[in-house]
Amino acid sequence: MQKKCIIRVHGTVQGVGFRYTTRDLAQSLGVTGVIRNEPDGSVYIEAQGEEGQLKELVKQCKQGHDNFHVSKVETQWSDELGEYSDFTIER
């Protein structure tokens, strides 16, 4: 069953390739949605897919990387789906 997960990622996540890394991961998992930088320095993700796929995306978002540091990840789950055919980066 498809679900939607809104994810907000805080830390050093802008200007370090986080959106591109996350897009590639989401596409490899078969997750659709959108990712964008927010004015407060966080990254907003709206993702939809099977619950297991989304849980893996959230898990990976919580992990650090050589280029970025994640200090906090907030999630909000919903059964209300959007109209996404791919996972894209908004500028």
PDB file of N, CA and C in Angstrom:
ATOM      1  N   MET A   1       0.845  -1.192   0.000  1.00  0.00           N
ATOM      2  CA  MET A   1       0.000   0.000   0.000  1.00  0.00           C
ATOM      3  C   MET A   1       0.888   1.252   0.000  1.00  0.00           C
ATOM      4  N   GLN A   2       0.599   2.153  -0.890  1.00  0.00           N
ATOM      5  CA  GLN A   2       1.366   3.389  -1.003  1.00  0.00           C
ATOM      6  C   GLN A   2       1.072   4.325   0.167  1.00  0.00           C
ATOM      7  N   LYS A   3       2.122   4.994   0.627  1.00  0.00           N
ATOM      8  CA  LYS A   3       2.013   5.993   1.690  1.00  0.00           C
ATOM      9  C   LYS A   3       2.820   7.210   1.286  1.00  0.00           C
ATOM     10  N   LYS A   4       2.596   8.301   1.996  1.00  0.00           N
ATOM     11  CA  LYS A   4       3.391   9.507   1.807  1.00  0.00           C
ATOM     12  C   LYS A   4       4.095   9.822   3.118  1.00  0.00           C
ATOM     13  N   CYS A   5       5.330  10.259   3.015  1.00  0.00           N
ATOM     14  CA  CYS A   5       6.099  10.657   4.184  1.00  0.00           C
ATOM     15  C   CYS A   5       6.726  12.022   3.898  1.00  0.00           C
ATOM     16  N   ILE A   6       6.445  12.962   4.771  1.00  0.00           N
ATOM     17  CA  ILE A   6       7.093  14.268   4.704  1.00  0.00           C
ATOM     18  C   ILE A   6       8.261  14.225   5.676  1.00  0.00           C
ATOM     19  N   ILE A   7       9.438  14.524   5.157  1.00  0.00           N
ATOM     20  CA  ILE A   7      10.671  14.426   5.935  1.00  0.00           C
ATOM     21  C   ILE A   7      11.340  15.790   5.935  1.00  0.00           C
ATOM     22  N   ARG A   8      11.723  16.248   7.107  1.00  0.00           N
ATOM     23  CA  ARG A   8      12.487  17.491   7.204  1.00  0.00           C
ATOM     24  C   ARG A   8      13.829  17.141   7.853  1.00  0.00           C
ATOM     25  N   VAL A   9      14.909  17.451   7.148  1.00  0.00           N
ATOM     26  CA  VAL A   9      16.251  17.085   7.587  1.00  0.00           C
ATOM     27  C   VAL A   9      17.002  18.350   7.978  1.00  0.00           C
ATOM     28  N   HIS A  10      17.556  18.351   9.198  1.00  0.00           N
ATOM     29  CA  HIS A  10      18.301  19.492   9.733  1.00  0.00           C
ATOM     30  C   HIS A  10      19.772  19.127   9.864  1.00  0.00           C
ATOM     31  N   GLY A  11      20.623  20.128   9.815  1.00  0.00           N
ATOM     32  CA  GLY A  11      22.061  19.928   9.958  1.00  0.00           C
ATOM     33  C   GLY A  11      22.785  20.670   8.852  1.00  0.00           C
ATOM     34  N   THR A  12      23.970  20.180   8.512  1.00  0.00           N
ATOM     35  CA  THR A  12      24.719  20.733   7.387  1.00  0.00           C
ATOM     36  C   THR A  12      24.305  19.946   6.157  1.00  0.00           C
ATOM     37  N   VAL A  13      23.182  20.362   5.551  1.00  0.00           N
ATOM     38  CA  VAL A  13      22.582  19.590   4.467  1.00  0.00           C
ATOM     39  C   VAL A  13      22.314  20.418   3.206  1.00  0.00           C
ATOM     40  N   GLN A  14      22.730  21.672   3.208  1.00  0.00           N
ATOM     41  CA  GLN A  14      22.568  22.501   2.011  1.00  0.00           C
ATOM     42  C   GLN A  14      23.931  22.847   1.438  1.00  0.00           C
ATOM     43  N   GLY A  15      24.021  22.800   0.116  1.00  0.00           N
ATOM     44  CA  GLY A  15      25.266  23.130  -0.560  1.00  0.00           C
ATOM     45  C   GLY A  15      26.336  22.057  -0.475  1.00  0.00           C
ATOM     46  N   VAL A  16      25.945  20.844  -0.090  1.00  0.00           N
ATOM     47  CA  VAL A  16      26.913  19.761   0.102  1.00  0.00           C
ATOM     48  C   VAL A  16      26.540  18.483  -0.653  1.00  0.00           C
ATOM     49  N   GLY A  17      25.551  18.565  -1.540  1.00  0.00           N
ATOM     50  CA  GLY A  17      25.153  17.416  -2.346  1.00  0.00           C
ATOM     51  C   GLY A  17      24.088  16.529  -1.728  1.00  0.00           C
ATOM     52  N   PHE A  18      23.503  16.948  -0.612  1.00  0.00           N
ATOM     53  CA  PHE A  18      22.510  16.112   0.066  1.00  0.00           C
ATOM     54  C   PHE A  18      21.301  15.830  -0.821  1.00  0.00           C
ATOM     55  N   ARG A  19      20.787  16.851  -1.504  1.00  0.00           N
ATOM     56  CA  ARG A  19      19.593  16.650  -2.340  1.00  0.00           C
ATOM     57  C   ARG A  19      19.872  15.660  -3.477  1.00  0.00           C
ATOM     58  N   TYR A  20      21.041  15.758  -4.086  1.00  0.00           N
ATOM     59  CA  TYR A  20      21.373  14.872  -5.204  1.00  0.00           C
ATOM     60  C   TYR A  20      21.568  13.431  -4.735  1.00  0.00           C
ATOM     61  N   THR A  21      22.238  13.271  -3.610  1.00  0.00           N
ATOM     62  CA  THR A  21      22.431  11.940  -3.030  1.00  0.00           C
ATOM     63  C   THR A  21      21.088  11.316  -2.672  1.00  0.00           C
ATOM     64  N   THR A  22      20.211  12.121  -2.070  1.00  0.00           N
ATOM     65  CA  THR A  22      18.892  11.629  -1.660  1.00  0.00           C
ATOM     66  C   THR A  22      18.027  11.308  -2.871  1.00  0.00           C
ATOM     67  N   ARG A  23      18.097  12.143  -3.914  1.00  0.00           N
ATOM     68  CA  ARG A  23      17.347  11.859  -5.143  1.00  0.00           C
ATOM     69  C   ARG A  23      17.782  10.521  -5.732  1.00  0.00           C
ATOM     70  N   ASP A  24      19.085  10.293  -5.817  1.00  0.00           N
ATOM     71  CA  ASP A  24      19.580   9.039  -6.376  1.00  0.00           C
ATOM     72  C   ASP A  24      19.119   7.847  -5.547  1.00  0.00           C
ATOM     73  N   LEU A  25      19.160   7.984  -4.231  1.00  0.00           N
ATOM     74  CA  LEU A  25      18.704   6.916  -3.341  1.00  0.00           C
ATOM     75  C   LEU A  25      17.214   6.662  -3.540  1.00  0.00           C
ATOM     76  N   ALA A  26      16.414   7.729  -3.551  1.00  0.00           N
ATOM     77  CA  ALA A  26      14.963   7.583  -3.717  1.00  0.00           C
ATOM     78  C   ALA A  26      14.644   6.888  -5.040  1.00  0.00           C
ATOM     79  N   GLN A  27      15.310   7.285  -6.100  1.00  0.00           N
ATOM     80  CA  GLN A  27      15.064   6.661  -7.396  1.00  0.00           C
ATOM     81  C   GLN A  27      15.457   5.185  -7.380  1.00  0.00           C
ATOM     82  N   SER A  28      16.551   4.850  -6.703  1.00  0.00           N
ATOM     83  CA  SER A  28      16.965   3.444  -6.639  1.00  0.00           C
ATOM     84  C   SER A  28      15.981   2.614  -5.810  1.00  0.00           C
ATOM     85  N   LEU A  29      15.311   3.251  -4.850  1.00  0.00           N
ATOM     86  CA  LEU A  29      14.314   2.561  -4.024  1.00  0.00           C
ATOM     87  C   LEU A  29      12.942   2.494  -4.690  1.00  0.00           C
ATOM     88  N   GLY A  30      12.751   3.248  -5.769  1.00  0.00           N
ATOM     89  CA  GLY A  30      11.442   3.296  -6.423  1.00  0.00           C
ATOM     90  C   GLY A  30      10.481   4.268  -5.774  1.00  0.00           C
ATOM     91  N   VAL A  31      11.015   5.251  -5.052  1.00  0.00           N
ATOM     92  CA  VAL A  31      10.218   6.251  -4.351  1.00  0.00           C
ATOM     93  C   VAL A  31      10.046   7.468  -5.262  1.00  0.00           C
ATOM     94  N   THR A  32       8.852   8.046  -5.271  1.00  0.00           N
ATOM     95  CA  THR A  32       8.602   9.265  -6.027  1.00  0.00           C
ATOM     96  C   THR A  32       8.409  10.425  -5.067  1.00  0.00           C
ATOM     97  N   GLY A  33       8.535  11.663  -5.581  1.00  0.00           N
ATOM     98  CA  GLY A  33       8.317  12.821  -4.735  1.00  0.00           C
ATOM     99  C   GLY A  33       9.176  13.987  -5.145  1.00  0.00           C
ATOM    100  N   VAL A  34       9.499  14.815  -4.158  1.00  0.00           N
ATOM    101  CA  VAL A  34      10.233  16.045  -4.400  1.00  0.00           C
ATOM    102  C   VAL A  34      11.122  16.363  -3.204  1.00  0.00           C
ATOM    103  N   ILE A  35      12.225  17.046  -3.462  1.00  0.00           N
ATOM    104  CA  ILE A  35      13.142  17.477  -2.396  1.00  0.00           C
ATOM    105  C   ILE A  35      13.560  18.907  -2.689  1.00  0.00           C
ATOM    106  N   ARG A  36      13.660  19.739  -1.638  1.00  0.00           N
ATOM    107  CA  ARG A  36      14.058  21.135  -1.835  1.00  0.00           C
ATOM    108  C   ARG A  36      14.712  21.697  -0.574  1.00  0.00           C
ATOM    109  N   ASN A  37      15.562  22.699  -0.789  1.00  0.00           N
ATOM    110  CA  ASN A  37      16.150  23.447   0.313  1.00  0.00           C
ATOM    111  C   ASN A  37      15.108  24.404   0.877  1.00  0.00           C
ATOM    112  N   GLU A  38      15.143  24.597   2.186  1.00  0.00           N
ATOM    113  CA  GLU A  38      14.258  25.536   2.861  1.00  0.00           C
ATOM    114  C   GLU A  38      15.059  26.745   3.341  1.00  0.00           C
ATOM    115  N   PRO A  39      14.418  27.900   3.480  1.00  0.00           N
ATOM    116  CA  PRO A  39      15.126  29.109   3.917  1.00  0.00           C
ATOM    117  C   PRO A  39      15.811  28.972   5.284  1.00  0.00           C
ATOM    118  N   ASP A  40      15.307  28.092   6.157  1.00  0.00           N
ATOM    119  CA  ASP A  40      15.886  27.939   7.500  1.00  0.00           C
ATOM    120  C   ASP A  40      17.128  27.039   7.512  1.00  0.00           C
ATOM    121  N   GLY A  41      17.575  26.564   6.339  1.00  0.00           N
ATOM    122  CA  GLY A  41      18.761  25.716   6.260  1.00  0.00           C
ATOM    123  C   GLY A  41      18.465  24.227   6.258  1.00  0.00           C
ATOM    124  N   SER A  42      17.201  23.856   6.445  1.00  0.00           N
ATOM    125  CA  SER A  42      16.826  22.443   6.416  1.00  0.00           C
ATOM    126  C   SER A  42      16.520  22.026   4.976  1.00  0.00           C
ATOM    127  N   VAL A  43      16.287  20.731   4.800  1.00  0.00           N
ATOM    128  CA  VAL A  43      15.859  20.191   3.517  1.00  0.00           C
ATOM    129  C   VAL A  43      14.502  19.532   3.722  1.00  0.00           C
ATOM    130  N   TYR A  44      13.567  19.850   2.828  1.00  0.00           N
ATOM    131  CA  TYR A  44      12.203  19.314   2.855  1.00  0.00           C
ATOM    132  C   TYR A  44      12.089  18.215   1.807  1.00  0.00           C
ATOM    133  N   ILE A  45      11.539  17.081   2.219  1.00  0.00           N
ATOM    134  CA  ILE A  45      11.320  15.962   1.304  1.00  0.00           C
ATOM    135  C   ILE A  45       9.867  15.529   1.424  1.00  0.00           C
ATOM    136  N   GLU A  46       9.213  15.403   0.294  1.00  0.00           N
ATOM    137  CA  GLU A  46       7.884  14.805   0.254  1.00  0.00           C
ATOM    138  C   GLU A  46       8.032  13.565  -0.611  1.00  0.00           C
ATOM    139  N   ALA A  47       7.897  12.400  -0.003  1.00  0.00           N
ATOM    140  CA  ALA A  47       8.167  11.145  -0.691  1.00  0.00           C
ATOM    141  C   ALA A  47       6.971  10.216  -0.589  1.00  0.00           C
ATOM    142  N   GLN A  48       6.759   9.438  -1.639  1.00  0.00           N
ATOM    143  CA  GLN A  48       5.708   8.433  -1.564  1.00  0.00           C
ATOM    144  C   GLN A  48       6.161   7.141  -2.210  1.00  0.00           C
ATOM    145  N   GLY A  49       5.648   6.060  -1.635  1.00  0.00           N
ATOM    146  CA  GLY A  49       6.002   4.726  -2.089  1.00  0.00           C
ATOM    147  C   GLY A  49       5.472   3.718  -1.082  1.00  0.00           C
ATOM    148  N   GLU A  50       5.961   2.516  -1.189  1.00  0.00           N
ATOM    149  CA  GLU A  50       5.597   1.486  -0.221  1.00  0.00           C
ATOM    150  C   GLU A  50       6.237   1.826   1.128  1.00  0.00           C
ATOM    151  N   GLU A  51       5.589   1.453   2.206  1.00  0.00           N
ATOM    152  CA  GLU A  51       6.068   1.809   3.538  1.00  0.00           C
ATOM    153  C   GLU A  51       7.513   1.379   3.779  1.00  0.00           C
ATOM    154  N   GLY A  52       7.870   0.185   3.355  1.00  0.00           N
ATOM    155  CA  GLY A  52       9.240  -0.299   3.540  1.00  0.00           C
ATOM    156  C   GLY A  52      10.257   0.547   2.793  1.00  0.00           C
ATOM    157  N   GLN A  53       9.909   0.977   1.587  1.00  0.00           N
ATOM    158  CA  GLN A  53      10.786   1.844   0.806  1.00  0.00           C
ATOM    159  C   GLN A  53      10.994   3.179   1.522  1.00  0.00           C
ATOM    160  N   LEU A  54       9.902   3.728   2.040  1.00  0.00           N
ATOM    161  CA  LEU A  54       9.980   5.022   2.722  1.00  0.00           C
ATOM    162  C   LEU A  54      10.772   4.926   4.021  1.00  0.00           C
ATOM    163  N   LYS A  55      10.594   3.839   4.747  1.00  0.00           N
ATOM    164  CA  LYS A  55      11.356   3.657   5.987  1.00  0.00           C
ATOM    165  C   LYS A  55      12.850   3.569   5.698  1.00  0.00           C
ATOM    166  N   GLU A  56      13.208   2.931   4.593  1.00  0.00           N
ATOM    167  CA  GLU A  56      14.622   2.858   4.209  1.00  0.00           C
ATOM    168  C   GLU A  56      15.142   4.247   3.827  1.00  0.00           C
ATOM    169  N   LEU A  57      14.339   5.032   3.140  1.00  0.00           N
ATOM    170  CA  LEU A  57      14.740   6.391   2.790  1.00  0.00           C
ATOM    171  C   LEU A  57      14.973   7.225   4.049  1.00  0.00           C
ATOM    172  N   VAL A  58      14.071   7.139   5.005  1.00  0.00           N
ATOM    173  CA  VAL A  58      14.221   7.873   6.266  1.00  0.00           C
ATOM    174  C   VAL A  58      15.486   7.417   6.989  1.00  0.00           C
ATOM    175  N   LYS A  59      15.697   6.122   7.051  1.00  0.00           N
ATOM    176  CA  LYS A  59      16.891   5.566   7.712  1.00  0.00           C
ATOM    177  C   LYS A  59      18.162   6.131   7.083  1.00  0.00           C
ATOM    178  N   GLN A  60      18.204   6.144   5.754  1.00  0.00           N
ATOM    179  CA  GLN A  60      19.386   6.655   5.064  1.00  0.00           C
ATOM    180  C   GLN A  60      19.553   8.165   5.259  1.00  0.00           C
ATOM    181  N   CYS A  61      18.440   8.894   5.358  1.00  0.00           N
ATOM    182  CA  CYS A  61      18.516  10.341   5.601  1.00  0.00           C
ATOM    183  C   CYS A  61      19.134  10.648   6.965  1.00  0.00           C
ATOM    184  N   LYS A  62      18.962   9.758   7.915  1.00  0.00           N
ATOM    185  CA  LYS A  62      19.485   9.971   9.266  1.00  0.00           C
ATOM    186  C   LYS A  62      20.993   9.756   9.348  1.00  0.00           C
ATOM    187  N   GLN A  63      21.543   9.042   8.377  1.00  0.00           N
ATOM    188  CA  GLN A  63      22.973   8.738   8.416  1.00  0.00           C
ATOM    189  C   GLN A  63      23.776   9.909   7.860  1.00  0.00           C
ATOM    190  N   GLY A  64      24.899  10.143   8.443  1.00  0.00           N
ATOM    191  CA  GLY A  64      25.797  11.173   7.945  1.00  0.00           C
ATOM    192  C   GLY A  64      26.529  10.714   6.689  1.00  0.00           C
ATOM    193  N   HIS A  65      27.381  11.555   6.210  1.00  0.00           N
ATOM    194  CA  HIS A  65      28.141  11.291   4.988  1.00  0.00           C
ATOM    195  C   HIS A  65      29.391  12.153   5.078  1.00  0.00           C
ATOM    196  N   ASP A  66      30.372  11.875   4.270  1.00  0.00           N
ATOM    197  CA  ASP A  66      31.592  12.683   4.280  1.00  0.00           C
ATOM    198  C   ASP A  66      31.300  14.158   4.009  1.00  0.00           C
ATOM    199  N   ASN A  67      30.304  14.430   3.177  1.00  0.00           N
ATOM    200  CA  ASN A  67      30.014  15.803   2.765  1.00  0.00           C
ATOM    201  C   ASN A  67      28.964  16.513   3.605  1.00  0.00           C
ATOM    202  N   PHE A  68      28.122  15.777   4.296  1.00  0.00           N
ATOM    203  CA  PHE A  68      27.055  16.426   5.072  1.00  0.00           C
ATOM    204  C   PHE A  68      26.880  15.780   6.435  1.00  0.00           C
ATOM    205  N   HIS A  69      26.292  16.570   7.344  1.00  0.00           N
ATOM    206  CA  HIS A  69      26.047  16.119   8.716  1.00  0.00           C
ATOM    207  C   HIS A  69      24.574  16.346   9.040  1.00  0.00           C
ATOM    208  N   VAL A  70      23.896  15.304   9.474  1.00  0.00           N
ATOM    209  CA  VAL A  70      22.483  15.379   9.832  1.00  0.00           C
ATOM    210  C   VAL A  70      22.368  15.441  11.344  1.00  0.00           C
ATOM    211  N   SER A  71      21.708  16.495  11.841  1.00  0.00           N
ATOM    212  CA  SER A  71      21.533  16.631  13.288  1.00  0.00           C
ATOM    213  C   SER A  71      20.152  16.185  13.752  1.00  0.00           C
ATOM    214  N   LYS A  72      19.151  16.271  12.865  1.00  0.00           N
ATOM    215  CA  LYS A  72      17.784  15.888  13.268  1.00  0.00           C
ATOM    216  C   LYS A  72      16.965  15.580  12.011  1.00  0.00           C
ATOM    217  N   VAL A  73      16.106  14.559  12.114  1.00  0.00           N
ATOM    218  CA  VAL A  73      15.180  14.216  11.046  1.00  0.00           C
ATOM    219  C   VAL A  73      13.783  14.127  11.644  1.00  0.00           C
ATOM    220  N   GLU A  74      12.859  14.894  11.064  1.00  0.00           N
ATOM    221  CA  GLU A  74      11.461  14.871  11.497  1.00  0.00           C
ATOM    222  C   GLU A  74      10.636  14.211  10.386  1.00  0.00           C
ATOM    223  N   THR A  75       9.668  13.378  10.768  1.00  0.00           N
ATOM    224  CA  THR A  75       8.822  12.717   9.774  1.00  0.00           C
ATOM    225  C   THR A  75       7.354  12.907  10.116  1.00  0.00           C
ATOM    226  N   GLN A  76       6.556  12.941   9.068  1.00  0.00           N
ATOM    227  CA  GLN A  76       5.100  12.996   9.199  1.00  0.00           C
ATOM    228  C   GLN A  76       4.526  12.059   8.141  1.00  0.00           C
ATOM    229  N   TRP A  77       3.734  11.084   8.561  1.00  0.00           N
ATOM    230  CA  TRP A  77       3.202  10.062   7.656  1.00  0.00           C
ATOM    231  C   TRP A  77       1.758  10.374   7.278  1.00  0.00           C
ATOM    232  N   SER A  78       1.383   9.991   6.050  1.00  0.00           N
ATOM    233  CA  SER A  78       0.037  10.261   5.561  1.00  0.00           C
ATOM    234  C   SER A  78      -0.362   9.203   4.548  1.00  0.00           C
ATOM    235  N   ASP A  79      -1.667   8.966   4.434  1.00  0.00           N
ATOM    236  CA  ASP A  79      -2.202   8.093   3.394  1.00  0.00           C
ATOM    237  C   ASP A  79      -2.623   8.904   2.166  1.00  0.00           C
ATOM    238  N   GLU A  80      -2.606  10.238   2.280  1.00  0.00           N
ATOM    239  CA  GLU A  80      -3.000  11.119   1.181  1.00  0.00           C
ATOM    240  C   GLU A  80      -1.828  11.265   0.212  1.00  0.00           C
ATOM    241  N   LEU A  81      -2.002  10.780  -0.998  1.00  0.00           N
ATOM    242  CA  LEU A  81      -0.912  10.744  -1.964  1.00  0.00           C
ATOM    243  C   LEU A  81      -0.932  11.954  -2.888  1.00  0.00           C
ATOM    244  N   GLY A  82       0.245  12.321  -3.372  1.00  0.00           N
ATOM    245  CA  GLY A  82       0.390  13.398  -4.341  1.00  0.00           C
ATOM    246  C   GLY A  82       0.443  12.843  -5.753  1.00  0.00           C
ATOM    247  N   GLU A  83       0.704  13.705  -6.700  1.00  0.00           N
ATOM    248  CA  GLU A  83       0.746  13.352  -8.121  1.00  0.00           C
ATOM    249  C   GLU A  83       2.188  13.342  -8.608  1.00  0.00           C
ATOM    250  N   TYR A  84       2.972  12.366  -8.216  1.00  0.00           N
ATOM    251  CA  TYR A  84       4.381  12.304  -8.603  1.00  0.00           C
ATOM    252  C   TYR A  84       4.638  11.108  -9.495  1.00  0.00           C
ATOM    253  N   SER A  85       5.422  11.325 -10.556  1.00  0.00           N
ATOM    254  CA  SER A  85       5.800  10.221 -11.436  1.00  0.00           C
ATOM    255  C   SER A  85       7.290   9.905 -11.315  1.00  0.00           C
ATOM    256  N   ASP A  86       8.032  10.778 -10.619  1.00  0.00           N
ATOM    257  CA  ASP A  86       9.476  10.620 -10.453  1.00  0.00           C
ATOM    258  C   ASP A  86       9.864  11.293  -9.133  1.00  0.00           C
ATOM    259  N   PHE A  87      11.137  11.251  -8.793  1.00  0.00           N
ATOM    260  CA  PHE A  87      11.641  11.960  -7.627  1.00  0.00           C
ATOM    261  C   PHE A  87      12.518  13.093  -8.143  1.00  0.00           C
ATOM    262  N   THR A  88      12.107  14.328  -7.883  1.00  0.00           N
ATOM    263  CA  THR A  88      12.781  15.477  -8.494  1.00  0.00           C
ATOM    264  C   THR A  88      13.308  16.460  -7.444  1.00  0.00           C
ATOM    265  N   ILE A  89      14.272  17.235  -7.873  1.00  0.00           N
ATOM    266  CA  ILE A  89      14.842  18.300  -7.052  1.00  0.00           C
ATOM    267  C   ILE A  89      14.214  19.616  -7.470  1.00  0.00           C
ATOM    268  N   GLU A  90      13.636  20.324  -6.503  1.00  0.00           N
ATOM    269  CA  GLU A  90      13.130  21.676  -6.759  1.00  0.00           C
ATOM    270  C   GLU A  90      14.230  22.657  -6.440  1.00  0.00           C
ATOM    271  N   ARG A  91      14.337  23.680  -7.206  1.00  0.00           N
ATOM    272  CA  ARG A  91      15.371  24.704  -6.993  1.00  0.00           C
ATOM    273  C   ARG A  91      14.811  25.907  -6.308  1.00  0.00           C
TER     274      ARG A  91
END
